[in-house]
Amino acid sequence: MHLLAISDNYIPAEFMRQGFATLEDLGVRVEVRSWEQPTLIDLQQANLAIEQNGPDAVPLPAELTDGIERFEIVCVQFAPLGRATLAAASNLKTIGVLRGGTENVAVDLATERGIAVLNTPGRNARAVAECALGLILAEVRNIARGHAALKAGHWTRDFPNRDEIPELNERTVGLVGYGAVARLLAGYLQSLGCRILAYDPLVSGDTAPAELVDLPELLRQSDVVSLHARLSEETKHLIGAAQIALMKPTAVLVNTARSGLVDERALVDALQRRAIGGAALDVFDEEPLPAGHPLIELDNVTLVPHLAGSTIDAFRNSPKLLAGHLRRMLTGDGRLPIINGVRPSFP
């Protein structure tokens, strides 16, 4: 059995080899090929184009798909597997994606052809949850703004929220989406004494320490709103002008998930009017942010360059996690993170 792993700037070839080497005792022969971009920014731009326009928006170089008909399993992180690539992969039975999102795979065609698509849920959940907590603290306590002012030669405490600087203890934090990232963040927030609300129509059962509420109620009550939902047709612009209008005038919006969850223009407008207290953002409709972008001009935002999930631990462990799922698949264990309902079949 042959497995093709396509590495990239974030998960290099050596991490792929180390992670998937654990399958060799099952007779899996692993080949690693590299989809390298000139810089990490180029990779982020390619990834954004794929997120917004689908896996056929960015073609793979021919040398990466040469002989792809030999492989039963293909594993990627950001490399796109579009319709042409899947059409050529005549022997393909399983696609493994080394992250939670599968926007870089033509899932509809894979499903039509009976190809199972597996993701790696939670692989960088801790990295994102830690960054989200950092962004909350940076925005409400003016950590980034204070740093920038001192670097520019100014000693100041005259910040937009100078009259409303809170402690997180006994404040309400609303989590929009309550998957792996949000549940970890909820634990961190609980230790700080926060009251935690969550909105997720797909979740039921025990949600401690968060209390499930509907979205309008979450927005009305929360001092901090942090986004952790998946981007889909149903969740695009989940937070628009009408939703922002429900938020407290001192509330902060944090987004470490997908930019498309927020109507960016509506958010900029609200921040310009001081309709909410501030925002902390890791993701944007256009990346990298161009010079003169209105978000850059605001003094009530904390901005970081799409780095929430980028830790060495997340990247090193991702192939190992996916290899564990593949091992269970090959040994007949039914507990698999299949996202398209197709059960893989191997002799």
C-alpha atoms as a PDB file:
ATOM      1  CA  MET A   1       0.000   0.000   0.000  1.00  0.00           C
ATOM      2  CA  HIS A   2       1.313   3.431  -0.963  1.00  0.00           C
ATOM      3  CA  LEU A   3       0.837   6.711   0.918  1.00  0.00           C
ATOM      4  CA  LEU A   4       1.738  10.105  -0.555  1.00  0.00           C
ATOM      5  CA  ALA A   5       2.339  12.885   1.974  1.00  0.00           C
ATOM      6  CA  ILE A   6       2.665  16.443   0.636  1.00  0.00           C
ATOM      7  CA  SER A   7       4.578  18.676   3.038  1.00  0.00           C
ATOM      8  CA  ASP A   8       4.634  22.471   3.064  1.00  0.00           C
ATOM      9  CA  ASN A   9       6.397  25.386   4.745  1.00  0.00           C
ATOM     10  CA  TYR A  10       4.684  24.759   8.070  1.00  0.00           C
ATOM     11  CA  ILE A  11       4.918  20.964   8.216  1.00  0.00           C
ATOM     12  CA  PRO A  12       8.260  20.115   6.582  1.00  0.00           C
ATOM     13  CA  ALA A  13       9.108  16.819   4.942  1.00  0.00           C
ATOM     14  CA  GLU A  14      10.987  15.510   7.981  1.00  0.00           C
ATOM     15  CA  PHE A  15       7.926  15.924  10.225  1.00  0.00           C
ATOM     16  CA  MET A  16       5.882  14.009   7.639  1.00  0.00           C
ATOM     17  CA  ARG A  17       8.418  11.169   7.491  1.00  0.00           C
ATOM     18  CA  GLN A  18       8.641  10.885  11.264  1.00  0.00           C
ATOM     19  CA  GLY A  19       4.881  10.945  11.766  1.00  0.00           C
ATOM     20  CA  PHE A  20       3.880   8.454   9.075  1.00  0.00           C
ATOM     21  CA  ALA A  21       6.816   6.093   9.706  1.00  0.00           C
ATOM     22  CA  THR A  22       4.659   4.519  12.416  1.00  0.00           C
ATOM     23  CA  LEU A  23       2.542   2.930   9.644  1.00  0.00           C
ATOM     24  CA  GLU A  24       5.398   1.022   8.026  1.00  0.00           C
ATOM     25  CA  ASP A  25       4.806  -2.075  10.148  1.00  0.00           C
ATOM     26  CA  LEU A  26       1.379  -2.325   8.495  1.00  0.00           C
ATOM     27  CA  GLY A  27       3.003  -2.514   5.056  1.00  0.00           C
ATOM     28  CA  VAL A  28       2.448   1.158   4.172  1.00  0.00           C
ATOM     29  CA  ARG A  29       5.162   2.621   1.946  1.00  0.00           C
ATOM     30  CA  VAL A  30       5.415   6.363   2.502  1.00  0.00           C
ATOM     31  CA  GLU A  31       6.597   8.864  -0.079  1.00  0.00           C
ATOM     32  CA  VAL A  32       6.943  12.539   0.856  1.00  0.00           C
ATOM     33  CA  ARG A  33       6.853  15.370  -1.662  1.00  0.00           C
ATOM     34  CA  SER A  34       7.174  19.078  -0.855  1.00  0.00           C
ATOM     35  CA  TRP A  35       4.806  21.905  -1.816  1.00  0.00           C
ATOM     36  CA  GLU A  36       7.131  24.749  -0.876  1.00  0.00           C
ATOM     37  CA  GLN A  37       6.206  28.413  -1.255  1.00  0.00           C
ATOM     38  CA  PRO A  38       8.878  31.149  -1.392  1.00  0.00           C
ATOM     39  CA  THR A  39       7.730  32.506   1.997  1.00  0.00           C
ATOM     40  CA  LEU A  40       5.168  31.793   4.690  1.00  0.00           C
ATOM     41  CA  ILE A  41       3.232  34.826   3.461  1.00  0.00           C
ATOM     42  CA  ASP A  42       2.953  33.230   0.012  1.00  0.00           C
ATOM     43  CA  LEU A  43       1.604  30.064   1.626  1.00  0.00           C
ATOM     44  CA  GLN A  44      -0.932  32.051   3.639  1.00  0.00           C
ATOM     45  CA  GLN A  45      -2.074  33.866   0.507  1.00  0.00           C
ATOM     46  CA  ALA A  46      -2.491  30.573  -1.354  1.00  0.00           C
ATOM     47  CA  ASN A  47      -4.405  29.145   1.592  1.00  0.00           C
ATOM     48  CA  LEU A  48      -6.688  32.183   1.725  1.00  0.00           C
ATOM     49  CA  ALA A  49      -7.399  31.886  -2.014  1.00  0.00           C
ATOM     50  CA  ILE A  50      -8.335  28.232  -1.505  1.00  0.00           C
ATOM     51  CA  GLU A  51     -10.553  29.023   1.491  1.00  0.00           C
ATOM     52  CA  GLN A  52     -12.416  31.670  -0.477  1.00  0.00           C
ATOM     53  CA  ASN A  53     -12.562  30.019  -3.923  1.00  0.00           C
ATOM     54  CA  GLY A  54     -12.136  26.282  -3.426  1.00  0.00           C
ATOM     55  CA  PRO A  55      -9.346  23.749  -4.035  1.00  0.00           C
ATOM     56  CA  ASP A  56      -9.132  24.428  -7.775  1.00  0.00           C
ATOM     57  CA  ALA A  57      -8.169  28.065  -7.180  1.00  0.00           C
ATOM     58  CA  VAL A  58      -4.491  27.131  -6.741  1.00  0.00           C
ATOM     59  CA  PRO A  59      -3.017  24.407  -8.975  1.00  0.00           C
ATOM     60  CA  LEU A  60      -0.427  21.955  -7.724  1.00  0.00           C
ATOM     61  CA  PRO A  61       2.825  21.679  -9.726  1.00  0.00           C
ATOM     62  CA  ALA A  62       2.812  18.667 -12.035  1.00  0.00           C
ATOM     63  CA  GLU A  63       5.761  17.035 -10.284  1.00  0.00           C
ATOM     64  CA  LEU A  64       3.734  16.704  -7.089  1.00  0.00           C
ATOM     65  CA  THR A  65       0.985  14.690  -8.753  1.00  0.00           C
ATOM     66  CA  ASP A  66       3.121  12.666 -11.150  1.00  0.00           C
ATOM     67  CA  GLY A  67       2.160   9.007 -10.797  1.00  0.00           C
ATOM     68  CA  ILE A  68      -0.579   9.795  -8.310  1.00  0.00           C
ATOM     69  CA  GLU A  69      -2.568   6.841  -9.651  1.00  0.00           C
ATOM     70  CA  ARG A  70      -0.200   4.575  -7.656  1.00  0.00           C
ATOM     71  CA  PHE A  71      -1.340   5.859  -4.266  1.00  0.00           C
ATOM     72  CA  GLU A  72      -4.204   4.539  -2.148  1.00  0.00           C
ATOM     73  CA  ILE A  73      -3.756   7.250   0.513  1.00  0.00           C
ATOM     74  CA  VAL A  74      -2.859  10.929   0.076  1.00  0.00           C
ATOM     75  CA  CYS A  75      -2.207  13.187   3.067  1.00  0.00           C
ATOM     76  CA  VAL A  76      -1.891  16.968   2.918  1.00  0.00           C
ATOM     77  CA  GLN A  77      -2.073  19.980   5.179  1.00  0.00           C
ATOM     78  CA  PHE A  78      -2.588  23.030   2.940  1.00  0.00           C
ATOM     79  CA  ALA A  79      -1.772  21.557  -0.486  1.00  0.00           C
ATOM     80  CA  PRO A  80      -4.913  21.625  -2.665  1.00  0.00           C
ATOM     81  CA  LEU A  81      -6.476  18.438  -3.985  1.00  0.00           C
ATOM     82  CA  GLY A  82      -8.754  19.762  -6.715  1.00  0.00           C
ATOM     83  CA  ARG A  83     -10.944  17.983  -9.197  1.00  0.00           C
ATOM     84  CA  ALA A  84      -8.231  17.362 -11.788  1.00  0.00           C
ATOM     85  CA  THR A  85      -5.919  15.845  -9.195  1.00  0.00           C
ATOM     86  CA  LEU A  86      -8.627  13.552  -7.824  1.00  0.00           C
ATOM     87  CA  ALA A  87      -9.637  12.534 -11.346  1.00  0.00           C
ATOM     88  CA  ALA A  88      -6.077  11.353 -11.981  1.00  0.00           C
ATOM     89  CA  ALA A  89      -5.845   9.495  -8.654  1.00  0.00           C
ATOM     90  CA  SER A  90      -7.601   6.393  -9.962  1.00  0.00           C
ATOM     91  CA  ASN A  91      -6.547   4.126  -7.079  1.00  0.00           C
ATOM     92  CA  LEU A  92      -7.208   6.588  -4.273  1.00  0.00           C
ATOM     93  CA  LYS A  93      -9.287   5.330  -1.342  1.00  0.00           C
ATOM     94  CA  THR A  94      -8.536   7.783   1.470  1.00  0.00           C
ATOM     95  CA  ILE A  95      -7.548  11.444   1.805  1.00  0.00           C
ATOM     96  CA  GLY A  96      -6.123  12.628   5.109  1.00  0.00           C
ATOM     97  CA  VAL A  97      -6.049  16.331   5.943  1.00  0.00           C
ATOM     98  CA  LEU A  98      -3.653  17.406   8.671  1.00  0.00           C
ATOM     99  CA  ARG A  99      -5.983  20.001  10.197  1.00  0.00           C
ATOM    100  CA  GLY A 100      -9.646  20.463  11.024  1.00  0.00           C
ATOM    101  CA  GLY A 101     -10.726  22.309   7.867  1.00  0.00           C
ATOM    102  CA  THR A 102     -10.933  20.502   4.514  1.00  0.00           C
ATOM    103  CA  GLU A 103     -11.448  23.513   2.225  1.00  0.00           C
ATOM    104  CA  ASN A 104      -8.423  22.438   0.169  1.00  0.00           C
ATOM    105  CA  VAL A 105     -10.078  19.177  -0.940  1.00  0.00           C
ATOM    106  CA  ALA A 106     -12.774  18.681  -3.587  1.00  0.00           C
ATOM    107  CA  VAL A 107     -14.840  16.790  -1.027  1.00  0.00           C
ATOM    108  CA  ASP A 108     -17.901  16.542  -3.286  1.00  0.00           C
ATOM    109  CA  LEU A 109     -15.963  14.684  -5.970  1.00  0.00           C
ATOM    110  CA  ALA A 110     -14.214  12.500  -3.403  1.00  0.00           C
ATOM    111  CA  THR A 111     -17.597  11.512  -1.978  1.00  0.00           C
ATOM    112  CA  GLU A 112     -18.980  10.812  -5.449  1.00  0.00           C
ATOM    113  CA  ARG A 113     -16.029   8.500  -6.126  1.00  0.00           C
ATOM    114  CA  GLY A 114     -16.271   6.715  -2.774  1.00  0.00           C
ATOM    115  CA  ILE A 115     -13.080   8.226  -1.351  1.00  0.00           C
ATOM    116  CA  ALA A 116     -13.077   8.706   2.414  1.00  0.00           C
ATOM    117  CA  VAL A 117     -11.926  12.124   3.635  1.00  0.00           C
ATOM    118  CA  LEU A 118     -10.472  12.259   7.146  1.00  0.00           C
ATOM    119  CA  ASN A 119      -9.441  15.382   9.015  1.00  0.00           C
ATOM    120  CA  THR A 120      -7.358  15.861  12.155  1.00  0.00           C
ATOM    121  CA  PRO A 121      -9.674  17.570  14.634  1.00  0.00           C
ATOM    122  CA  GLY A 122      -8.093  19.420  17.504  1.00  0.00           C
ATOM    123  CA  ARG A 123      -4.576  19.156  16.159  1.00  0.00           C
ATOM    124  CA  ASN A 124      -3.769  22.798  16.972  1.00  0.00           C
ATOM    125  CA  ALA A 125      -6.627  23.422  19.389  1.00  0.00           C
ATOM    126  CA  ARG A 126      -4.348  24.212  22.310  1.00  0.00           C
ATOM    127  CA  ALA A 127      -2.245  26.587  20.224  1.00  0.00           C
ATOM    128  CA  VAL A 128      -5.321  28.534  19.088  1.00  0.00           C
ATOM    129  CA  ALA A 129      -6.930  28.539  22.528  1.00  0.00           C
ATOM    130  CA  GLU A 130      -3.773  29.917  24.132  1.00  0.00           C
ATOM    131  CA  CYS A 131      -3.497  32.618  21.461  1.00  0.00           C
ATOM    132  CA  ALA A 132      -7.157  33.551  21.868  1.00  0.00           C
ATOM    133  CA  LEU A 133      -6.621  34.050  25.593  1.00  0.00           C
ATOM    134  CA  GLY A 134      -3.557  36.148  24.847  1.00  0.00           C
ATOM    135  CA  LEU A 135      -5.519  38.314  22.418  1.00  0.00           C
ATOM    136  CA  ILE A 136      -8.315  38.840  24.936  1.00  0.00           C
ATOM    137  CA  LEU A 137      -5.818  40.034  27.544  1.00  0.00           C
ATOM    138  CA  ALA A 138      -3.853  42.118  25.032  1.00  0.00           C
ATOM    139  CA  GLU A 139      -6.970  43.970  23.881  1.00  0.00           C
ATOM    140  CA  VAL A 140      -8.777  44.588  27.167  1.00  0.00           C
ATOM    141  CA  ARG A 141      -5.583  45.457  29.095  1.00  0.00           C
ATOM    142  CA  ASN A 142      -3.924  47.481  26.284  1.00  0.00           C
ATOM    143  CA  ILE A 143      -0.801  45.299  26.312  1.00  0.00           C
ATOM    144  CA  ALA A 144      -0.096  45.604  22.585  1.00  0.00           C
ATOM    145  CA  ARG A 145      -1.001  49.287  22.482  1.00  0.00           C
ATOM    146  CA  GLY A 146       1.216  50.035  25.496  1.00  0.00           C
ATOM    147  CA  HIS A 147       4.103  48.166  23.875  1.00  0.00           C
ATOM    148  CA  ALA A 148       3.676  50.001  20.563  1.00  0.00           C
ATOM    149  CA  ALA A 149       3.513  53.381  22.312  1.00  0.00           C
ATOM    150  CA  LEU A 150       6.699  52.764  24.272  1.00  0.00           C
ATOM    151  CA  LYS A 151       8.522  51.558  21.146  1.00  0.00           C
ATOM    152  CA  ALA A 152       7.464  54.821  19.485  1.00  0.00           C
ATOM    153  CA  GLY A 153       8.843  56.838  22.406  1.00  0.00           C
ATOM    154  CA  HIS A 154       5.541  57.609  24.147  1.00  0.00           C
ATOM    155  CA  TRP A 155       4.709  56.907  27.798  1.00  0.00           C
ATOM    156  CA  THR A 156       0.933  56.978  27.816  1.00  0.00           C
ATOM    157  CA  ARG A 157      -2.074  55.449  29.484  1.00  0.00           C
ATOM    158  CA  ASP A 158      -4.560  57.384  27.397  1.00  0.00           C
ATOM    159  CA  PHE A 159      -6.175  54.443  25.604  1.00  0.00           C
ATOM    160  CA  PRO A 160      -9.664  54.256  24.017  1.00  0.00           C
ATOM    161  CA  ASN A 161     -10.941  52.151  26.935  1.00  0.00           C
ATOM    162  CA  ARG A 162      -9.114  54.113  29.663  1.00  0.00           C
ATOM    163  CA  ASP A 163     -12.320  54.549  31.680  1.00  0.00           C
ATOM    164  CA  GLU A 164     -13.485  50.932  31.300  1.00  0.00           C
ATOM    165  CA  ILE A 165     -10.385  48.739  31.702  1.00  0.00           C
ATOM    166  CA  PRO A 166     -11.683  45.498  33.285  1.00  0.00           C
ATOM    167  CA  GLU A 167     -10.357  42.481  35.083  1.00  0.00           C
ATOM    168  CA  LEU A 168     -11.598  39.205  33.619  1.00  0.00           C
ATOM    169  CA  ASN A 169     -12.735  37.897  36.988  1.00  0.00           C
ATOM    170  CA  GLU A 170     -16.575  37.804  37.064  1.00  0.00           C
ATOM    171  CA  ARG A 171     -16.779  39.093  33.473  1.00  0.00           C
ATOM    172  CA  THR A 172     -18.867  37.201  30.916  1.00  0.00           C
ATOM    173  CA  VAL A 173     -17.108  35.681  27.918  1.00  0.00           C
ATOM    174  CA  GLY A 174     -19.209  34.318  25.048  1.00  0.00           C
ATOM    175  CA  LEU A 175     -17.798  31.563  22.844  1.00  0.00           C
ATOM    176  CA  VAL A 176     -19.365  31.280  19.383  1.00  0.00           C
ATOM    177  CA  GLY A 177     -18.748  27.660  18.443  1.00  0.00           C
ATOM    178  CA  TYR A 178     -17.977  25.137  21.167  1.00  0.00           C
ATOM    179  CA  GLY A 179     -15.577  22.622  19.705  1.00  0.00           C
ATOM    180  CA  ALA A 180     -12.090  21.605  20.826  1.00  0.00           C
ATOM    181  CA  VAL A 181     -10.598  25.120  20.819  1.00  0.00           C
ATOM    182  CA  ALA A 182     -13.488  26.739  22.661  1.00  0.00           C
ATOM    183  CA  ARG A 183     -13.634  23.996  25.304  1.00  0.00           C
ATOM    184  CA  LEU A 184      -9.931  24.438  26.085  1.00  0.00           C
ATOM    185  CA  LEU A 185     -10.360  28.213  26.198  1.00  0.00           C
ATOM    186  CA  ALA A 186     -13.355  27.782  28.501  1.00  0.00           C
ATOM    187  CA  GLY A 187     -11.138  25.929  30.956  1.00  0.00           C
ATOM    188  CA  TYR A 188      -8.555  28.716  30.914  1.00  0.00           C
ATOM    189  CA  LEU A 189     -11.256  31.348  31.390  1.00  0.00           C
ATOM    190  CA  GLN A 190     -12.853  29.438  34.245  1.00  0.00           C
ATOM    191  CA  SER A 191      -9.549  29.535  36.118  1.00  0.00           C
ATOM    192  CA  LEU A 192      -9.615  33.334  35.756  1.00  0.00           C
ATOM    193  CA  GLY A 193     -13.061  33.513  37.334  1.00  0.00           C
ATOM    194  CA  CYS A 194     -15.050  34.228  34.158  1.00  0.00           C
ATOM    195  CA  ARG A 195     -18.682  33.409  33.570  1.00  0.00           C
ATOM    196  CA  ILE A 196     -18.770  31.523  30.264  1.00  0.00           C
ATOM    197  CA  LEU A 197     -21.569  31.359  27.699  1.00  0.00           C
ATOM    198  CA  ALA A 198     -21.491  29.351  24.477  1.00  0.00           C
ATOM    199  CA  TYR A 199     -23.516  29.241  21.284  1.00  0.00           C
ATOM    200  CA  ASP A 200     -23.312  26.137  19.104  1.00  0.00           C
ATOM    201  CA  PRO A 201     -26.442  24.607  17.539  1.00  0.00           C
ATOM    202  CA  LEU A 202     -24.551  21.353  16.897  1.00  0.00           C
ATOM    203  CA  VAL A 203     -23.639  20.742  20.529  1.00  0.00           C
ATOM    204  CA  SER A 204     -25.744  19.166  23.262  1.00  0.00           C
ATOM    205  CA  GLY A 205     -25.157  17.351  26.516  1.00  0.00           C
ATOM    206  CA  ASP A 206     -22.630  18.425  29.123  1.00  0.00           C
ATOM    207  CA  THR A 207     -21.105  21.777  28.136  1.00  0.00           C
ATOM    208  CA  ALA A 208     -19.538  22.693  31.491  1.00  0.00           C
ATOM    209  CA  PRO A 209     -18.094  25.113  32.324  1.00  0.00           C
ATOM    210  CA  ALA A 210     -20.056  26.990  29.632  1.00  0.00           C
ATOM    211  CA  GLU A 211     -23.803  27.615  29.627  1.00  0.00           C
ATOM    212  CA  LEU A 212     -25.429  27.138  26.199  1.00  0.00           C
ATOM    213  CA  VAL A 213     -27.547  30.093  25.042  1.00  0.00           C
ATOM    214  CA  ASP A 214     -28.753  31.409  21.712  1.00  0.00           C
ATOM    215  CA  LEU A 215     -26.572  33.824  19.744  1.00  0.00           C
ATOM    216  CA  PRO A 216     -28.521  37.046  20.437  1.00  0.00           C
ATOM    217  CA  GLU A 217     -28.468  36.355  24.170  1.00  0.00           C
ATOM    218  CA  LEU A 218     -24.742  35.616  24.085  1.00  0.00           C
ATOM    219  CA  LEU A 219     -24.028  38.863  22.252  1.00  0.00           C
ATOM    220  CA  ARG A 220     -26.152  40.931  24.628  1.00  0.00           C
ATOM    221  CA  GLN A 221     -24.590  39.527  27.811  1.00  0.00           C
ATOM    222  CA  SER A 222     -20.925  39.101  26.915  1.00  0.00           C
ATOM    223  CA  ASP A 223     -18.076  41.424  27.790  1.00  0.00           C
ATOM    224  CA  VAL A 224     -15.884  39.454  25.373  1.00  0.00           C
ATOM    225  CA  VAL A 225     -17.151  37.544  22.312  1.00  0.00           C
ATOM    226  CA  SER A 226     -14.652  35.012  20.933  1.00  0.00           C
ATOM    227  CA  LEU A 227     -15.308  33.205  17.640  1.00  0.00           C
ATOM    228  CA  HIS A 228     -14.525  29.499  17.201  1.00  0.00           C
ATOM    229  CA  ALA A 229     -17.071  28.277  14.622  1.00  0.00           C
ATOM    230  CA  ARG A 230     -16.326  26.578  11.322  1.00  0.00           C
ATOM    231  CA  LEU A 231     -16.810  28.641   8.177  1.00  0.00           C
ATOM    232  CA  SER A 232     -19.578  27.369   5.901  1.00  0.00           C
ATOM    233  CA  GLU A 233     -22.347  28.803   3.763  1.00  0.00           C
ATOM    234  CA  GLU A 234     -24.511  28.838   6.882  1.00  0.00           C
ATOM    235  CA  THR A 235     -21.949  30.631   9.083  1.00  0.00           C
ATOM    236  CA  LYS A 236     -20.580  33.155   6.578  1.00  0.00           C
ATOM    237  CA  HIS A 237     -20.982  36.629   8.113  1.00  0.00           C
ATOM    238  CA  LEU A 238     -22.530  35.055  11.186  1.00  0.00           C
ATOM    239  CA  ILE A 239     -21.463  38.267  12.910  1.00  0.00           C
ATOM    240  CA  GLY A 240     -22.758  41.199  10.855  1.00  0.00           C
ATOM    241  CA  ALA A 241     -24.033  44.688  11.572  1.00  0.00           C
ATOM    242  CA  ALA A 242     -27.219  43.439  13.246  1.00  0.00           C
ATOM    243  CA  GLN A 243     -25.291  41.110  15.558  1.00  0.00           C
ATOM    244  CA  ILE A 244     -22.648  43.713  16.435  1.00  0.00           C
ATOM    245  CA  ALA A 245     -25.467  46.112  17.329  1.00  0.00           C
ATOM    246  CA  LEU A 246     -26.527  43.683  20.082  1.00  0.00           C
ATOM    247  CA  MET A 247     -23.129  43.833  21.797  1.00  0.00           C
ATOM    248  CA  LYS A 248     -22.362  46.021  24.797  1.00  0.00           C
ATOM    249  CA  PRO A 249     -20.654  49.331  23.930  1.00  0.00           C
ATOM    250  CA  THR A 250     -17.686  48.179  26.033  1.00  0.00           C
ATOM    251  CA  ALA A 251     -17.530  44.631  24.615  1.00  0.00           C
ATOM    252  CA  VAL A 252     -14.602  43.200  22.654  1.00  0.00           C
ATOM    253  CA  LEU A 253     -14.827  40.864  19.628  1.00  0.00           C
ATOM    254  CA  VAL A 254     -12.029  38.297  19.160  1.00  0.00           C
ATOM    255  CA  ASN A 255     -11.577  36.191  16.012  1.00  0.00           C
ATOM    256  CA  THR A 256      -8.966  33.437  15.749  1.00  0.00           C
ATOM    257  CA  ALA A 257     -11.141  31.211  13.538  1.00  0.00           C
ATOM    258  CA  ARG A 258     -12.017  32.361   9.992  1.00  0.00           C
ATOM    259  CA  SER A 259     -12.346  35.921   8.723  1.00  0.00           C
ATOM    260  CA  GLY A 260     -15.507  35.024   6.795  1.00  0.00           C
ATOM    261  CA  LEU A 261     -17.408  34.540  10.049  1.00  0.00           C
ATOM    262  CA  VAL A 262     -17.439  38.346  10.383  1.00  0.00           C
ATOM    263  CA  ASP A 263     -18.679  41.023   8.029  1.00  0.00           C
ATOM    264  CA  GLU A 264     -15.390  42.902   8.098  1.00  0.00           C
ATOM    265  CA  ARG A 265     -16.857  46.150   6.775  1.00  0.00           C
ATOM    266  CA  ALA A 266     -19.538  46.147   9.440  1.00  0.00           C
ATOM    267  CA  LEU A 267     -16.923  45.522  12.112  1.00  0.00           C
ATOM    268  CA  VAL A 268     -14.728  48.370  10.874  1.00  0.00           C
ATOM    269  CA  ASP A 269     -17.737  50.673  10.879  1.00  0.00           C
ATOM    270  CA  ALA A 270     -18.654  49.713  14.448  1.00  0.00           C
ATOM    271  CA  LEU A 271     -15.082  50.245  15.643  1.00  0.00           C
ATOM    272  CA  GLN A 272     -14.828  53.599  13.907  1.00  0.00           C
ATOM    273  CA  ARG A 273     -18.045  54.723  15.616  1.00  0.00           C
ATOM    274  CA  ARG A 274     -16.923  53.300  18.982  1.00  0.00           C
ATOM    275  CA  ALA A 275     -20.106  51.222  18.948  1.00  0.00           C
ATOM    276  CA  ILE A 276     -18.148  48.417  20.690  1.00  0.00           C
ATOM    277  CA  GLY A 277     -15.088  48.606  22.877  1.00  0.00           C
ATOM    278  CA  GLY A 278     -12.603  46.943  20.563  1.00  0.00           C
ATOM    279  CA  ALA A 279     -11.535  43.878  18.631  1.00  0.00           C
ATOM    280  CA  ALA A 280      -8.620  41.451  18.481  1.00  0.00           C
ATOM    281  CA  LEU A 281      -8.123  39.727  15.136  1.00  0.00           C
ATOM    282  CA  ASP A 282      -5.839  37.002  13.802  1.00  0.00           C
ATOM    283  CA  VAL A 283      -7.637  36.528  10.456  1.00  0.00           C
ATOM    284  CA  PHE A 284      -8.620  38.935   7.692  1.00  0.00           C
ATOM    285  CA  ASP A 285     -10.485  38.974   4.386  1.00  0.00           C
ATOM    286  CA  GLU A 286      -7.272  40.058   2.649  1.00  0.00           C
ATOM    287  CA  GLU A 287      -3.948  38.668   3.824  1.00  0.00           C
ATOM    288  CA  PRO A 288      -1.472  40.160   4.341  1.00  0.00           C
ATOM    289  CA  LEU A 289      -3.288  43.352   5.285  1.00  0.00           C
ATOM    290  CA  PRO A 290      -2.448  46.007   2.665  1.00  0.00           C
ATOM    291  CA  ALA A 291      -1.018  49.378   3.628  1.00  0.00           C
ATOM    292  CA  GLY A 292      -3.773  51.812   4.475  1.00  0.00           C
ATOM    293  CA  HIS A 293      -6.329  49.146   5.361  1.00  0.00           C
ATOM    294  CA  PRO A 294      -8.916  50.716   7.693  1.00  0.00           C
ATOM    295  CA  LEU A 295      -8.214  48.178  10.435  1.00  0.00           C
ATOM    296  CA  ILE A 296      -4.595  49.347  10.600  1.00  0.00           C
ATOM    297  CA  GLU A 297      -5.732  52.919  11.100  1.00  0.00           C
ATOM    298  CA  LEU A 298      -7.864  52.135  14.161  1.00  0.00           C
ATOM    299  CA  ASP A 299      -6.667  52.598  17.736  1.00  0.00           C
ATOM    300  CA  ASN A 300      -9.135  50.166  19.321  1.00  0.00           C
ATOM    301  CA  VAL A 301      -7.934  46.909  17.731  1.00  0.00           C
ATOM    302  CA  THR A 302      -5.195  44.349  18.360  1.00  0.00           C
ATOM    303  CA  LEU A 303      -3.984  42.724  15.139  1.00  0.00           C
ATOM    304  CA  VAL A 304      -1.706  39.710  14.622  1.00  0.00           C
ATOM    305  CA  PRO A 305      -0.714  38.105  11.285  1.00  0.00           C
ATOM    306  CA  HIS A 306      -2.687  34.816  11.238  1.00  0.00           C
ATOM    307  CA  LEU A 307      -0.458  33.028  13.724  1.00  0.00           C
ATOM    308  CA  ALA A 308      -2.859  31.552  16.298  1.00  0.00           C
ATOM    309  CA  GLY A 309      -2.357  27.918  15.309  1.00  0.00           C
ATOM    310  CA  SER A 310       1.318  28.173  14.393  1.00  0.00           C
ATOM    311  CA  THR A 311       3.331  26.425  17.088  1.00  0.00           C
ATOM    312  CA  ILE A 312       6.120  23.917  16.615  1.00  0.00           C
ATOM    313  CA  ASP A 313       4.197  21.448  18.802  1.00  0.00           C
ATOM    314  CA  ALA A 314       1.078  21.598  16.630  1.00  0.00           C
ATOM    315  CA  PHE A 315       3.023  21.107  13.405  1.00  0.00           C
ATOM    316  CA  ARG A 316       5.254  18.324  14.731  1.00  0.00           C
ATOM    317  CA  ASN A 317       2.352  16.370  16.249  1.00  0.00           C
ATOM    318  CA  SER A 318      -0.124  16.665  13.356  1.00  0.00           C
ATOM    319  CA  PRO A 319       1.320  13.805  11.216  1.00  0.00           C
ATOM    320  CA  LYS A 320       1.481  11.599  14.311  1.00  0.00           C
ATOM    321  CA  LEU A 321      -2.178  12.286  15.100  1.00  0.00           C
ATOM    322  CA  LEU A 322      -3.307  11.576  11.548  1.00  0.00           C
ATOM    323  CA  ALA A 323      -1.136   8.452  11.413  1.00  0.00           C
ATOM    324  CA  GLY A 324      -3.007   7.234  14.480  1.00  0.00           C
ATOM    325  CA  HIS A 325      -6.338   7.674  12.681  1.00  0.00           C
ATOM    326  CA  LEU A 326      -4.968   5.852   9.621  1.00  0.00           C
ATOM    327  CA  ARG A 327      -3.705   2.986  11.775  1.00  0.00           C
ATOM    328  CA  ARG A 328      -7.180   2.528  13.250  1.00  0.00           C
ATOM    329  CA  MET A 329      -8.628   2.646   9.748  1.00  0.00           C
ATOM    330  CA  LEU A 330      -6.253  -0.043   8.463  1.00  0.00           C
ATOM    331  CA  THR A 331      -6.810  -2.301  11.468  1.00  0.00           C
ATOM    332  CA  GLY A 332     -10.604  -2.077  11.284  1.00  0.00           C
ATOM    333  CA  ASP A 333     -11.268   0.275  14.203  1.00  0.00           C
ATOM    334  CA  GLY A 334     -14.419   2.263  13.487  1.00  0.00           C
ATOM    335  CA  ARG A 335     -13.516   5.406  15.468  1.00  0.00           C
ATOM    336  CA  LEU A 336     -12.472   7.674  12.618  1.00  0.00           C
ATOM    337  CA  PRO A 337     -12.828  11.444  11.945  1.00  0.00           C
ATOM    338  CA  ILE A 338     -14.505  10.946   8.544  1.00  0.00           C
ATOM    339  CA  ILE A 339     -16.076  14.187   7.339  1.00  0.00           C
ATOM    340  CA  ASN A 340     -17.907  12.955   4.214  1.00  0.00           C
ATOM    341  CA  GLY A 341     -19.626   9.803   5.447  1.00  0.00           C
ATOM    342  CA  VAL A 342     -17.609   7.422   3.249  1.00  0.00           C
ATOM    343  CA  ARG A 343     -16.190   4.409   5.052  1.00  0.00           C
ATOM    344  CA  PRO A 344     -12.798   3.444   3.628  1.00  0.00           C
ATOM    345  CA  SER A 345     -12.440  -0.082   2.293  1.00  0.00           C
ATOM    346  CA  PHE A 346      -9.116  -1.892   2.148  1.00  0.00           C
ATOM    347  CA  PRO A 347      -8.508  -5.556   1.395  1.00  0.00           C
END
